[in-house]
Amino acid sequence: MDPDLPTHPRIVYARQHNISCFGLERLHPFDSCKYRSAWRLLHGRFGSLLRRCRIRTDRPARTDELTLVHSPDYLRRLREPRFLCRALELPALARIPGPLLDHFVLRPMRWATRGTTLAAAAALQHGLAVNLGGGFHHAKPAAGEGFCIYADVAIAVRSLQQQGTLPDHARIVHIDLDAHQGNGVCHAFRDDRNAFLFDMYNGSIYPLADRLARDRIDCDLPLQPGTGDEEYLDRLTTALPGFLDSVGKSHPVRLAFYNAGTDPLAGDPLGGLDVSADGILERDRFVIRQLRDRGIPTVMVTSGGYTSGSDRLIADSVSHLLQQWGKRA
């Protein structure tokens, strides 16, 4: 932790983060172009300030970066349309040739994965960074599922460690507030005792059968379906400060990742919770403030969200960050 590290937020985005595959991506409830919509909303609100804060993703993640976490066999099997479409939960895509799927679906995910690495590097330098994309928290080292193919957070950590930007034994925290439990993150950091995982989620939905993942969580907070603002925020505000203080008591936390999925929103078809838009904003404000008050460099990723207003929820939370700290950028 560095309490003297100033906060100059950076927003990581490139148009290549968005997924469009002949319109077939609309068969899945995940809005794979919400990053573009959120960016446009932010640009309309902030204009030149947003441009000053922006880091443009420069390229997709390379194979040598992906294999820091994923097995070569898994990456090879992603070329098989049927194997890939099971992970994407889009069986209709199995009829599309593998090279086209790679170009239109996997390549954007590699761009977003690279965006998380850039955001992590920016957070270490500027205190806070948001990747408009990423948060593929169901991707495991040898398997993809839940529309998540690449374990972007783990890849970011291993990439920074390989570069020497982040020490090998540095403590990191992963705070996951997507409505779905981040089982892929648990598997990716299964044997890394310098990674501390906080996860609050709907305990009655996917991926409830993944017991190994649940056992890896350091602060495990399953919620009942229909949990609303009062209980949701009470559980969060009660548990998170103590978790952060406990993790940082003996050794400093060098980097935090915050998975700010918007699917706890009331009416989300997959999240099953009942949190209002104001509750989502208050949640994000609280988490970022807790991390920045402790001087922990913070990366925010946008993850899940299956309503038509998910882009606006993202834009509202990022707007708060820019209003709070952006003028210092």
C-alpha atoms as a PDB file:
ATOM      1  CA  MET A   1       0.000   0.000   0.000  1.00  0.00           C
ATOM      2  CA  ASP A   2       1.115   3.520  -0.726  1.00  0.00           C
ATOM      3  CA  PRO A   3      -1.030   6.102   1.099  1.00  0.00           C
ATOM      4  CA  ASP A   4       0.814   8.865  -0.763  1.00  0.00           C
ATOM      5  CA  LEU A   5      -0.004   7.498  -4.230  1.00  0.00           C
ATOM      6  CA  PRO A   6      -2.168  10.148  -5.912  1.00  0.00           C
ATOM      7  CA  THR A   7      -5.344   9.195  -7.715  1.00  0.00           C
ATOM      8  CA  HIS A   8      -5.334  10.139 -11.396  1.00  0.00           C
ATOM      9  CA  PRO A   9      -7.919   7.818 -12.947  1.00  0.00           C
ATOM     10  CA  ARG A  10      -7.275   6.220 -16.303  1.00  0.00           C
ATOM     11  CA  ILE A  11      -9.929   4.699 -18.581  1.00  0.00           C
ATOM     12  CA  VAL A  12      -8.761   1.878 -20.841  1.00  0.00           C
ATOM     13  CA  TYR A  13     -10.801   1.341 -23.983  1.00  0.00           C
ATOM     14  CA  ALA A  14     -10.597   0.534 -27.687  1.00  0.00           C
ATOM     15  CA  ARG A  15     -13.417  -0.130 -30.106  1.00  0.00           C
ATOM     16  CA  GLN A  16     -11.945  -3.615 -30.618  1.00  0.00           C
ATOM     17  CA  HIS A  17     -13.238  -4.644 -27.159  1.00  0.00           C
ATOM     18  CA  ASN A  18     -16.731  -5.006 -28.627  1.00  0.00           C
ATOM     19  CA  ILE A  19     -17.939  -8.325 -30.055  1.00  0.00           C
ATOM     20  CA  SER A  20     -20.016  -8.476 -33.208  1.00  0.00           C
ATOM     21  CA  CYS A  21     -20.441 -11.717 -35.141  1.00  0.00           C
ATOM     22  CA  PHE A  22     -23.054 -11.379 -37.908  1.00  0.00           C
ATOM     23  CA  GLY A  23     -25.624 -10.464 -35.242  1.00  0.00           C
ATOM     24  CA  LEU A  24     -25.490 -13.957 -33.719  1.00  0.00           C
ATOM     25  CA  GLU A  25     -24.017 -12.507 -30.505  1.00  0.00           C
ATOM     26  CA  ARG A  26     -27.532 -11.211 -29.793  1.00  0.00           C
ATOM     27  CA  LEU A  27     -28.604 -14.801 -29.114  1.00  0.00           C
ATOM     28  CA  HIS A  28     -26.800 -14.511 -25.763  1.00  0.00           C
ATOM     29  CA  PRO A  29     -28.223 -12.147 -23.116  1.00  0.00           C
ATOM     30  CA  PHE A  30     -24.805 -10.535 -22.569  1.00  0.00           C
ATOM     31  CA  ASP A  31     -24.541  -7.228 -24.409  1.00  0.00           C
ATOM     32  CA  SER A  32     -21.151  -7.612 -26.024  1.00  0.00           C
ATOM     33  CA  CYS A  33     -21.177  -4.026 -27.335  1.00  0.00           C
ATOM     34  CA  LYS A  34     -22.037  -2.296 -24.048  1.00  0.00           C
ATOM     35  CA  TYR A  35     -18.461  -1.020 -23.763  1.00  0.00           C
ATOM     36  CA  ARG A  36     -18.960   1.136 -26.854  1.00  0.00           C
ATOM     37  CA  SER A  37     -22.249   2.454 -25.502  1.00  0.00           C
ATOM     38  CA  ALA A  38     -20.696   3.265 -22.115  1.00  0.00           C
ATOM     39  CA  TRP A  39     -17.789   5.032 -23.826  1.00  0.00           C
ATOM     40  CA  ARG A  40     -20.166   7.170 -25.894  1.00  0.00           C
ATOM     41  CA  LEU A  41     -22.118   8.152 -22.794  1.00  0.00           C
ATOM     42  CA  LEU A  42     -18.911   9.095 -20.997  1.00  0.00           C
ATOM     43  CA  HIS A  43     -17.609  11.024 -23.982  1.00  0.00           C
ATOM     44  CA  GLY A  44     -20.819  13.007 -24.138  1.00  0.00           C
ATOM     45  CA  ARG A  45     -20.490  13.911 -20.473  1.00  0.00           C
ATOM     46  CA  PHE A  46     -16.768  14.663 -20.236  1.00  0.00           C
ATOM     47  CA  GLY A  47     -15.385  15.298 -23.723  1.00  0.00           C
ATOM     48  CA  SER A  48     -11.761  16.437 -23.561  1.00  0.00           C
ATOM     49  CA  LEU A  49     -11.348  15.353 -19.935  1.00  0.00           C
ATOM     50  CA  LEU A  50     -12.153  11.780 -20.919  1.00  0.00           C
ATOM     51  CA  ARG A  51      -9.637  11.935 -23.747  1.00  0.00           C
ATOM     52  CA  ARG A  52      -6.935  13.079 -21.310  1.00  0.00           C
ATOM     53  CA  CYS A  53      -7.731  10.148 -19.022  1.00  0.00           C
ATOM     54  CA  ARG A  54      -7.891   7.560 -21.782  1.00  0.00           C
ATOM     55  CA  ILE A  55      -5.422   4.771 -22.433  1.00  0.00           C
ATOM     56  CA  ARG A  56      -6.137   3.198 -25.806  1.00  0.00           C
ATOM     57  CA  THR A  57      -5.668  -0.572 -25.832  1.00  0.00           C
ATOM     58  CA  ASP A  58      -2.788  -1.081 -28.219  1.00  0.00           C
ATOM     59  CA  ARG A  59      -3.192  -4.706 -29.335  1.00  0.00           C
ATOM     60  CA  PRO A  60      -4.766  -8.038 -28.400  1.00  0.00           C
ATOM     61  CA  ALA A  61      -3.120 -10.235 -25.775  1.00  0.00           C
ATOM     62  CA  ARG A  62      -0.471 -12.476 -27.330  1.00  0.00           C
ATOM     63  CA  THR A  63      -0.237 -16.252 -27.029  1.00  0.00           C
ATOM     64  CA  ASP A  64       2.857 -16.001 -24.822  1.00  0.00           C
ATOM     65  CA  GLU A  65       0.823 -13.855 -22.411  1.00  0.00           C
ATOM     66  CA  LEU A  66      -2.194 -16.156 -22.472  1.00  0.00           C
ATOM     67  CA  THR A  67      -0.019 -19.185 -21.672  1.00  0.00           C
ATOM     68  CA  LEU A  68       1.125 -17.536 -18.459  1.00  0.00           C
ATOM     69  CA  VAL A  69      -2.226 -18.821 -17.150  1.00  0.00           C
ATOM     70  CA  HIS A  70      -3.853 -21.074 -19.760  1.00  0.00           C
ATOM     71  CA  SER A  71      -2.682 -24.478 -20.914  1.00  0.00           C
ATOM     72  CA  PRO A  72      -1.526 -24.765 -24.543  1.00  0.00           C
ATOM     73  CA  ASP A  73      -3.997 -27.609 -25.069  1.00  0.00           C
ATOM     74  CA  TYR A  74      -6.899 -25.402 -24.001  1.00  0.00           C
ATOM     75  CA  LEU A  75      -5.845 -22.575 -26.312  1.00  0.00           C
ATOM     76  CA  ARG A  76      -5.503 -25.065 -29.158  1.00  0.00           C
ATOM     77  CA  ARG A  77      -8.997 -26.473 -28.550  1.00  0.00           C
ATOM     78  CA  LEU A  78     -10.484 -22.994 -28.809  1.00  0.00           C
ATOM     79  CA  ARG A  79      -9.997 -23.378 -32.561  1.00  0.00           C
ATOM     80  CA  GLU A  80     -12.720 -26.082 -32.501  1.00  0.00           C
ATOM     81  CA  PRO A  81     -16.126 -24.392 -33.027  1.00  0.00           C
ATOM     82  CA  ARG A  82     -18.073 -26.899 -30.921  1.00  0.00           C
ATOM     83  CA  PHE A  83     -15.658 -26.665 -27.995  1.00  0.00           C
ATOM     84  CA  LEU A  84     -15.689 -22.878 -28.119  1.00  0.00           C
ATOM     85  CA  CYS A  85     -19.455 -22.579 -28.455  1.00  0.00           C
ATOM     86  CA  ARG A  86     -20.036 -24.653 -25.323  1.00  0.00           C
ATOM     87  CA  ALA A  87     -17.939 -22.142 -23.376  1.00  0.00           C
ATOM     88  CA  LEU A  88     -19.782 -19.227 -24.994  1.00  0.00           C
ATOM     89  CA  GLU A  89     -23.191 -20.855 -24.442  1.00  0.00           C
ATOM     90  CA  LEU A  90     -23.988 -20.112 -28.085  1.00  0.00           C
ATOM     91  CA  PRO A  91     -24.505 -23.434 -29.894  1.00  0.00           C
ATOM     92  CA  ALA A  92     -25.611 -21.642 -33.073  1.00  0.00           C
ATOM     93  CA  LEU A  93     -22.038 -20.425 -33.594  1.00  0.00           C
ATOM     94  CA  ALA A  94     -20.815 -24.015 -34.044  1.00  0.00           C
ATOM     95  CA  ARG A  95     -21.672 -23.751 -37.740  1.00  0.00           C
ATOM     96  CA  ILE A  96     -19.247 -20.862 -38.243  1.00  0.00           C
ATOM     97  CA  PRO A  97     -15.678 -21.784 -39.282  1.00  0.00           C
ATOM     98  CA  GLY A  98     -13.079 -21.578 -36.532  1.00  0.00           C
ATOM     99  CA  PRO A  99     -10.994 -18.798 -38.132  1.00  0.00           C
ATOM    100  CA  LEU A 100     -14.062 -16.545 -38.350  1.00  0.00           C
ATOM    101  CA  LEU A 101     -14.972 -17.233 -34.730  1.00  0.00           C
ATOM    102  CA  ASP A 102     -11.446 -16.406 -33.703  1.00  0.00           C
ATOM    103  CA  HIS A 103     -11.548 -13.110 -35.571  1.00  0.00           C
ATOM    104  CA  PHE A 104     -15.025 -11.942 -34.560  1.00  0.00           C
ATOM    105  CA  VAL A 105     -15.335 -13.388 -31.034  1.00  0.00           C
ATOM    106  CA  LEU A 106     -12.022 -14.431 -29.507  1.00  0.00           C
ATOM    107  CA  ARG A 107      -9.949 -11.580 -30.867  1.00  0.00           C
ATOM    108  CA  PRO A 108     -12.126  -8.911 -29.157  1.00  0.00           C
ATOM    109  CA  MET A 109     -11.784 -10.870 -25.912  1.00  0.00           C
ATOM    110  CA  ARG A 110      -8.016 -10.824 -26.339  1.00  0.00           C
ATOM    111  CA  TRP A 111      -8.174  -7.055 -26.836  1.00  0.00           C
ATOM    112  CA  ALA A 112     -10.170  -6.710 -23.613  1.00  0.00           C
ATOM    113  CA  THR A 113      -7.739  -9.043 -21.834  1.00  0.00           C
ATOM    114  CA  ARG A 114      -4.855  -6.841 -22.888  1.00  0.00           C
ATOM    115  CA  GLY A 115      -6.914  -3.908 -21.613  1.00  0.00           C
ATOM    116  CA  THR A 116      -6.963  -5.396 -18.117  1.00  0.00           C
ATOM    117  CA  THR A 117      -3.168  -5.711 -18.149  1.00  0.00           C
ATOM    118  CA  LEU A 118      -2.819  -2.091 -19.263  1.00  0.00           C
ATOM    119  CA  ALA A 119      -5.289  -0.999 -16.577  1.00  0.00           C
ATOM    120  CA  ALA A 120      -3.296  -2.868 -13.917  1.00  0.00           C
ATOM    121  CA  ALA A 121      -0.074  -1.178 -14.998  1.00  0.00           C
ATOM    122  CA  ALA A 122      -1.857   2.202 -15.033  1.00  0.00           C
ATOM    123  CA  ALA A 123      -3.284   1.610 -11.551  1.00  0.00           C
ATOM    124  CA  LEU A 124       0.197   1.012 -10.160  1.00  0.00           C
ATOM    125  CA  GLN A 125       1.248   4.362 -11.611  1.00  0.00           C
ATOM    126  CA  HIS A 126      -1.907   6.479 -11.240  1.00  0.00           C
ATOM    127  CA  GLY A 127      -3.785   4.838  -8.374  1.00  0.00           C
ATOM    128  CA  LEU A 128      -6.977   3.921 -10.239  1.00  0.00           C
ATOM    129  CA  ALA A 129      -7.845   2.554 -13.671  1.00  0.00           C
ATOM    130  CA  VAL A 130     -10.993   1.191 -15.309  1.00  0.00           C
ATOM    131  CA  ASN A 131     -11.021  -1.270 -18.173  1.00  0.00           C
ATOM    132  CA  LEU A 132     -14.206  -0.883 -20.209  1.00  0.00           C
ATOM    133  CA  GLY A 133     -14.260  -4.612 -20.772  1.00  0.00           C
ATOM    134  CA  GLY A 134     -12.738  -7.582 -19.040  1.00  0.00           C
ATOM    135  CA  GLY A 135     -13.784  -9.258 -15.844  1.00  0.00           C
ATOM    136  CA  PHE A 136     -13.982 -12.710 -17.461  1.00  0.00           C
ATOM    137  CA  HIS A 137     -14.255 -14.301 -14.035  1.00  0.00           C
ATOM    138  CA  HIS A 138     -15.524 -17.741 -15.104  1.00  0.00           C
ATOM    139  CA  ALA A 139     -12.508 -18.551 -17.294  1.00  0.00           C
ATOM    140  CA  LYS A 140     -10.304 -21.264 -15.777  1.00  0.00           C
ATOM    141  CA  PRO A 141      -6.742 -22.178 -16.768  1.00  0.00           C
ATOM    142  CA  ALA A 142      -7.933 -25.194 -18.792  1.00  0.00           C
ATOM    143  CA  ALA A 143     -11.586 -24.373 -19.489  1.00  0.00           C
ATOM    144  CA  GLY A 144     -13.862 -21.550 -20.517  1.00  0.00           C
ATOM    145  CA  GLU A 145     -17.480 -21.153 -19.494  1.00  0.00           C
ATOM    146  CA  GLY A 146     -20.154 -18.560 -18.908  1.00  0.00           C
ATOM    147  CA  PHE A 147     -19.131 -16.434 -21.913  1.00  0.00           C
ATOM    148  CA  CYS A 148     -15.633 -16.147 -20.394  1.00  0.00           C
ATOM    149  CA  ILE A 149     -12.663 -17.491 -22.343  1.00  0.00           C
ATOM    150  CA  TYR A 150      -9.521 -15.769 -21.051  1.00  0.00           C
ATOM    151  CA  ALA A 151      -8.720 -15.252 -17.353  1.00  0.00           C
ATOM    152  CA  ASP A 152      -7.838 -11.600 -17.833  1.00  0.00           C
ATOM    153  CA  VAL A 153      -7.160 -10.705 -14.181  1.00  0.00           C
ATOM    154  CA  ALA A 154      -4.780 -13.620 -13.628  1.00  0.00           C
ATOM    155  CA  ILE A 155      -3.081 -12.888 -16.963  1.00  0.00           C
ATOM    156  CA  ALA A 156      -2.602  -9.260 -15.907  1.00  0.00           C
ATOM    157  CA  VAL A 157      -1.008 -10.320 -12.619  1.00  0.00           C
ATOM    158  CA  ARG A 158       1.334 -12.846 -14.229  1.00  0.00           C
ATOM    159  CA  SER A 159       2.263 -10.414 -17.013  1.00  0.00           C
ATOM    160  CA  LEU A 160       3.211  -7.672 -14.546  1.00  0.00           C
ATOM    161  CA  GLN A 161       5.156 -10.165 -12.481  1.00  0.00           C
ATOM    162  CA  GLN A 162       7.033 -11.365 -15.558  1.00  0.00           C
ATOM    163  CA  GLN A 163       7.865  -7.761 -16.451  1.00  0.00           C
ATOM    164  CA  GLY A 164       9.089  -7.079 -12.912  1.00  0.00           C
ATOM    165  CA  THR A 165       6.461  -4.362 -12.456  1.00  0.00           C
ATOM    166  CA  LEU A 166       4.769  -6.369  -9.697  1.00  0.00           C
ATOM    167  CA  PRO A 167       6.912  -8.449  -7.294  1.00  0.00           C
ATOM    168  CA  ASP A 168       6.295 -12.196  -7.430  1.00  0.00           C
ATOM    169  CA  HIS A 169       5.186 -12.333  -3.793  1.00  0.00           C
ATOM    170  CA  ALA A 170       3.135  -9.137  -3.798  1.00  0.00           C
ATOM    171  CA  ARG A 171      -0.261  -9.406  -2.159  1.00  0.00           C
ATOM    172  CA  ILE A 172      -3.271  -8.753  -4.357  1.00  0.00           C
ATOM    173  CA  VAL A 173      -6.977  -8.716  -3.598  1.00  0.00           C
ATOM    174  CA  HIS A 174      -9.839  -9.563  -5.921  1.00  0.00           C
ATOM    175  CA  ILE A 175     -13.227  -8.141  -4.948  1.00  0.00           C
ATOM    176  CA  ASP A 176     -16.004  -9.723  -6.986  1.00  0.00           C
ATOM    177  CA  LEU A 177     -19.481  -8.196  -6.796  1.00  0.00           C
ATOM    178  CA  ASP A 178     -20.886  -9.653  -9.995  1.00  0.00           C
ATOM    179  CA  ALA A 179     -24.105 -11.533  -9.219  1.00  0.00           C
ATOM    180  CA  HIS A 180     -22.391 -14.803 -10.210  1.00  0.00           C
ATOM    181  CA  GLN A 181     -19.619 -16.332  -8.151  1.00  0.00           C
ATOM    182  CA  GLY A 182     -16.243 -15.874  -9.858  1.00  0.00           C
ATOM    183  CA  ASN A 183     -15.257 -19.522 -10.016  1.00  0.00           C
ATOM    184  CA  GLY A 184     -12.650 -19.057 -12.740  1.00  0.00           C
ATOM    185  CA  VAL A 185     -10.694 -16.574 -10.626  1.00  0.00           C
ATOM    186  CA  CYS A 186     -10.694 -19.102  -7.788  1.00  0.00           C
ATOM    187  CA  HIS A 187      -9.197 -21.772 -10.043  1.00  0.00           C
ATOM    188  CA  ALA A 188      -6.668 -19.405 -11.603  1.00  0.00           C
ATOM    189  CA  PHE A 189      -5.349 -18.399  -8.146  1.00  0.00           C
ATOM    190  CA  ARG A 190      -5.986 -21.768  -6.483  1.00  0.00           C
ATOM    191  CA  ASP A 191      -2.385 -22.261  -5.357  1.00  0.00           C
ATOM    192  CA  ASP A 192      -1.414 -18.604  -4.990  1.00  0.00           C
ATOM    193  CA  ARG A 193      -1.556 -17.718  -1.323  1.00  0.00           C
ATOM    194  CA  ASN A 194      -0.649 -14.107  -2.071  1.00  0.00           C
ATOM    195  CA  ALA A 195      -4.050 -13.623  -3.741  1.00  0.00           C
ATOM    196  CA  PHE A 196      -6.972 -12.888  -1.415  1.00  0.00           C
ATOM    197  CA  LEU A 197     -10.488 -13.309  -2.764  1.00  0.00           C
ATOM    198  CA  PHE A 198     -13.660 -11.522  -1.635  1.00  0.00           C
ATOM    199  CA  ASP A 199     -16.846 -12.663  -3.370  1.00  0.00           C
ATOM    200  CA  MET A 200     -20.464 -11.604  -2.717  1.00  0.00           C
ATOM    201  CA  TYR A 201     -22.997 -13.163  -5.087  1.00  0.00           C
ATOM    202  CA  ASN A 202     -26.352 -14.865  -5.493  1.00  0.00           C
ATOM    203  CA  GLY A 203     -25.735 -18.259  -3.917  1.00  0.00           C
ATOM    204  CA  SER A 204     -28.636 -19.951  -5.716  1.00  0.00           C
ATOM    205  CA  ILE A 205     -27.532 -19.526  -9.334  1.00  0.00           C
ATOM    206  CA  TYR A 206     -24.672 -20.613 -11.607  1.00  0.00           C
ATOM    207  CA  PRO A 207     -22.000 -21.823 -10.867  1.00  0.00           C
ATOM    208  CA  LEU A 208     -23.309 -23.290  -7.611  1.00  0.00           C
ATOM    209  CA  ALA A 209     -21.932 -26.777  -8.297  1.00  0.00           C
ATOM    210  CA  ASP A 210     -18.289 -25.618  -8.253  1.00  0.00           C
ATOM    211  CA  ARG A 211     -17.392 -26.560  -4.683  1.00  0.00           C
ATOM    212  CA  LEU A 212     -13.639 -26.283  -5.272  1.00  0.00           C
ATOM    213  CA  ALA A 213     -14.097 -22.648  -6.216  1.00  0.00           C
ATOM    214  CA  ARG A 214     -16.176 -21.875  -3.136  1.00  0.00           C
ATOM    215  CA  ASP A 215     -13.537 -23.437  -0.899  1.00  0.00           C
ATOM    216  CA  ARG A 216     -10.878 -21.079  -2.294  1.00  0.00           C
ATOM    217  CA  ILE A 217     -12.697 -17.836  -1.403  1.00  0.00           C
ATOM    218  CA  ASP A 218     -11.214 -16.030   1.581  1.00  0.00           C
ATOM    219  CA  CYS A 219     -14.358 -13.995   2.320  1.00  0.00           C
ATOM    220  CA  ASP A 220     -17.368 -15.899   0.968  1.00  0.00           C
ATOM    221  CA  LEU A 221     -20.693 -14.028   1.077  1.00  0.00           C
ATOM    222  CA  PRO A 222     -23.511 -15.877  -0.705  1.00  0.00           C
ATOM    223  CA  LEU A 223     -26.788 -13.954  -0.878  1.00  0.00           C
ATOM    224  CA  GLN A 224     -30.381 -15.085  -1.078  1.00  0.00           C
ATOM    225  CA  PRO A 225     -32.267 -14.485  -4.338  1.00  0.00           C
ATOM    226  CA  GLY A 226     -34.086 -11.167  -4.293  1.00  0.00           C
ATOM    227  CA  THR A 227     -31.649  -9.454  -1.940  1.00  0.00           C
ATOM    228  CA  GLY A 228     -32.258  -5.699  -2.177  1.00  0.00           C
ATOM    229  CA  ASP A 229     -30.370  -2.508  -1.440  1.00  0.00           C
ATOM    230  CA  GLU A 230     -30.525  -2.460   2.342  1.00  0.00           C
ATOM    231  CA  GLU A 231     -29.261  -5.985   2.994  1.00  0.00           C
ATOM    232  CA  TYR A 232     -26.888  -5.940   0.023  1.00  0.00           C
ATOM    233  CA  LEU A 233     -25.118  -2.756   1.072  1.00  0.00           C
ATOM    234  CA  ASP A 234     -25.176  -3.748   4.747  1.00  0.00           C
ATOM    235  CA  ARG A 235     -23.402  -7.037   4.006  1.00  0.00           C
ATOM    236  CA  LEU A 236     -20.849  -5.238   1.860  1.00  0.00           C
ATOM    237  CA  THR A 237     -20.120  -2.322   4.181  1.00  0.00           C
ATOM    238  CA  THR A 238     -19.854  -4.647   7.167  1.00  0.00           C
ATOM    239  CA  ALA A 239     -17.528  -7.202   5.599  1.00  0.00           C
ATOM    240  CA  LEU A 240     -15.231  -5.382   3.163  1.00  0.00           C
ATOM    241  CA  PRO A 241     -13.359  -2.988   5.507  1.00  0.00           C
ATOM    242  CA  GLY A 242     -12.441  -5.797   7.899  1.00  0.00           C
ATOM    243  CA  PHE A 243     -11.357  -8.019   5.018  1.00  0.00           C
ATOM    244  CA  LEU A 244      -9.053  -5.348   3.615  1.00  0.00           C
ATOM    245  CA  ASP A 245      -7.598  -4.495   7.015  1.00  0.00           C
ATOM    246  CA  SER A 246      -6.968  -8.172   7.800  1.00  0.00           C
ATOM    247  CA  VAL A 247      -5.235  -8.854   4.475  1.00  0.00           C
ATOM    248  CA  GLY A 248      -3.057  -5.750   4.758  1.00  0.00           C
ATOM    249  CA  LYS A 249      -2.214  -6.112   8.446  1.00  0.00           C
ATOM    250  CA  SER A 250       1.070  -8.023   8.129  1.00  0.00           C
ATOM    251  CA  HIS A 251       2.025  -7.230   4.514  1.00  0.00           C
ATOM    252  CA  PRO A 252       0.866  -4.408   2.246  1.00  0.00           C
ATOM    253  CA  VAL A 253      -1.605  -5.043  -0.542  1.00  0.00           C
ATOM    254  CA  ARG A 254       0.085  -3.982  -3.755  1.00  0.00           C
ATOM    255  CA  LEU A 255      -2.848  -4.199  -6.170  1.00  0.00           C
ATOM    256  CA  ALA A 256      -6.627  -4.676  -6.091  1.00  0.00           C
ATOM    257  CA  PHE A 257      -8.996  -5.821  -8.803  1.00  0.00           C
ATOM    258  CA  TYR A 258     -12.660  -4.903  -8.501  1.00  0.00           C
ATOM    259  CA  ASN A 259     -15.133  -6.873 -10.615  1.00  0.00           C
ATOM    260  CA  ALA A 260     -18.037  -4.418 -10.820  1.00  0.00           C
ATOM    261  CA  GLY A 261     -20.573  -6.559 -12.651  1.00  0.00           C
ATOM    262  CA  THR A 262     -23.923  -4.812 -13.010  1.00  0.00           C
ATOM    263  CA  ASP A 263     -26.099  -7.937 -12.943  1.00  0.00           C
ATOM    264  CA  PRO A 264     -27.201  -7.509  -9.288  1.00  0.00           C
ATOM    265  CA  LEU A 265     -29.579  -4.895 -10.748  1.00  0.00           C
ATOM    266  CA  ALA A 266     -33.275  -5.554 -10.133  1.00  0.00           C
ATOM    267  CA  GLY A 267     -34.810  -7.116 -13.214  1.00  0.00           C
ATOM    268  CA  ASP A 268     -31.591  -8.559 -14.588  1.00  0.00           C
ATOM    269  CA  PRO A 269     -32.659 -11.850 -16.222  1.00  0.00           C
ATOM    270  CA  LEU A 270     -29.666 -13.812 -14.910  1.00  0.00           C
ATOM    271  CA  GLY A 271     -28.619 -12.093 -11.679  1.00  0.00           C
ATOM    272  CA  GLY A 272     -31.650 -12.835  -9.516  1.00  0.00           C
ATOM    273  CA  LEU A 273     -30.991  -9.986  -7.078  1.00  0.00           C
ATOM    274  CA  ASP A 274     -32.995  -6.804  -6.468  1.00  0.00           C
ATOM    275  CA  VAL A 275     -30.494  -3.949  -6.191  1.00  0.00           C
ATOM    276  CA  SER A 276     -31.511  -0.551  -7.571  1.00  0.00           C
ATOM    277  CA  ALA A 277     -29.434   1.578  -9.944  1.00  0.00           C
ATOM    278  CA  ASP A 278     -28.697   3.898  -7.012  1.00  0.00           C
ATOM    279  CA  GLY A 279     -27.604   0.873  -5.009  1.00  0.00           C
ATOM    280  CA  ILE A 280     -25.173  -0.195  -7.745  1.00  0.00           C
ATOM    281  CA  LEU A 281     -23.675   3.300  -7.819  1.00  0.00           C
ATOM    282  CA  GLU A 282     -23.365   3.429  -4.037  1.00  0.00           C
ATOM    283  CA  ARG A 283     -21.740  -0.014  -4.072  1.00  0.00           C
ATOM    284  CA  ASP A 284     -19.105   1.106  -6.572  1.00  0.00           C
ATOM    285  CA  ARG A 285     -18.456   4.368  -4.736  1.00  0.00           C
ATOM    286  CA  PHE A 286     -17.982   2.503  -1.462  1.00  0.00           C
ATOM    287  CA  VAL A 287     -15.595  -0.132  -2.832  1.00  0.00           C
ATOM    288  CA  ILE A 288     -13.373   2.342  -4.652  1.00  0.00           C
ATOM    289  CA  ARG A 289     -13.289   4.675  -1.666  1.00  0.00           C
ATOM    290  CA  GLN A 290     -12.305   1.850   0.692  1.00  0.00           C
ATOM    291  CA  LEU A 291      -9.436   0.853  -1.578  1.00  0.00           C
ATOM    292  CA  ARG A 292      -8.204   4.368  -2.267  1.00  0.00           C
ATOM    293  CA  ASP A 293      -8.416   5.371   1.419  1.00  0.00           C
ATOM    294  CA  ARG A 294      -5.967   2.540   2.068  1.00  0.00           C
ATOM    295  CA  GLY A 295      -3.689   3.603  -0.777  1.00  0.00           C
ATOM    296  CA  ILE A 296      -4.251   0.386  -2.716  1.00  0.00           C
ATOM    297  CA  PRO A 297      -3.842   0.768  -6.502  1.00  0.00           C
ATOM    298  CA  THR A 298      -7.160  -0.330  -7.982  1.00  0.00           C
ATOM    299  CA  VAL A 299      -8.329  -1.828 -11.262  1.00  0.00           C
ATOM    300  CA  MET A 300     -12.050  -1.870 -12.032  1.00  0.00           C
ATOM    301  CA  VAL A 301     -13.418  -4.256 -14.678  1.00  0.00           C
ATOM    302  CA  THR A 302     -17.019  -4.281 -15.886  1.00  0.00           C
ATOM    303  CA  SER A 303     -17.889  -7.996 -16.220  1.00  0.00           C
ATOM    304  CA  GLY A 304     -21.520  -9.181 -16.333  1.00  0.00           C
ATOM    305  CA  GLY A 305     -24.765  -7.289 -16.776  1.00  0.00           C
ATOM    306  CA  TYR A 306     -27.701  -8.444 -18.890  1.00  0.00           C
ATOM    307  CA  THR A 307     -30.125  -5.528 -19.037  1.00  0.00           C
ATOM    308  CA  SER A 308     -30.371  -2.852 -21.702  1.00  0.00           C
ATOM    309  CA  GLY A 309     -29.286  -0.271 -19.130  1.00  0.00           C
ATOM    310  CA  SER A 310     -26.014  -1.937 -18.161  1.00  0.00           C
ATOM    311  CA  ASP A 311     -24.018   0.558 -20.215  1.00  0.00           C
ATOM    312  CA  ARG A 312     -25.562   3.473 -18.305  1.00  0.00           C
ATOM    313  CA  LEU A 313     -24.805   1.873 -14.940  1.00  0.00           C
ATOM    314  CA  ILE A 314     -21.158   1.549 -15.977  1.00  0.00           C
ATOM    315  CA  ALA A 315     -21.073   5.115 -17.255  1.00  0.00           C
ATOM    316  CA  ASP A 316     -22.632   6.439 -14.035  1.00  0.00           C
ATOM    317  CA  SER A 317     -20.026   4.728 -11.850  1.00  0.00           C
ATOM    318  CA  VAL A 318     -17.118   5.822 -14.033  1.00  0.00           C
ATOM    319  CA  SER A 319     -18.586   9.337 -14.112  1.00  0.00           C
ATOM    320  CA  HIS A 320     -18.421   9.444 -10.330  1.00  0.00           C
ATOM    321  CA  LEU A 321     -14.749   8.461 -10.412  1.00  0.00           C
ATOM    322  CA  LEU A 322     -13.966  11.155 -12.954  1.00  0.00           C
ATOM    323  CA  GLN A 323     -15.926  13.774 -11.039  1.00  0.00           C
ATOM    324  CA  GLN A 324     -14.140  12.791  -7.830  1.00  0.00           C
ATOM    325  CA  TRP A 325     -10.610  12.600  -9.157  1.00  0.00           C
ATOM    326  CA  GLY A 326     -10.550  13.292 -12.897  1.00  0.00           C
ATOM    327  CA  LYS A 327      -9.710  16.997 -12.723  1.00  0.00           C
ATOM    328  CA  ARG A 328      -6.341  16.034 -11.274  1.00  0.00           C
ATOM    329  CA  ALA A 329      -5.556  13.807 -14.251  1.00  0.00           C
END
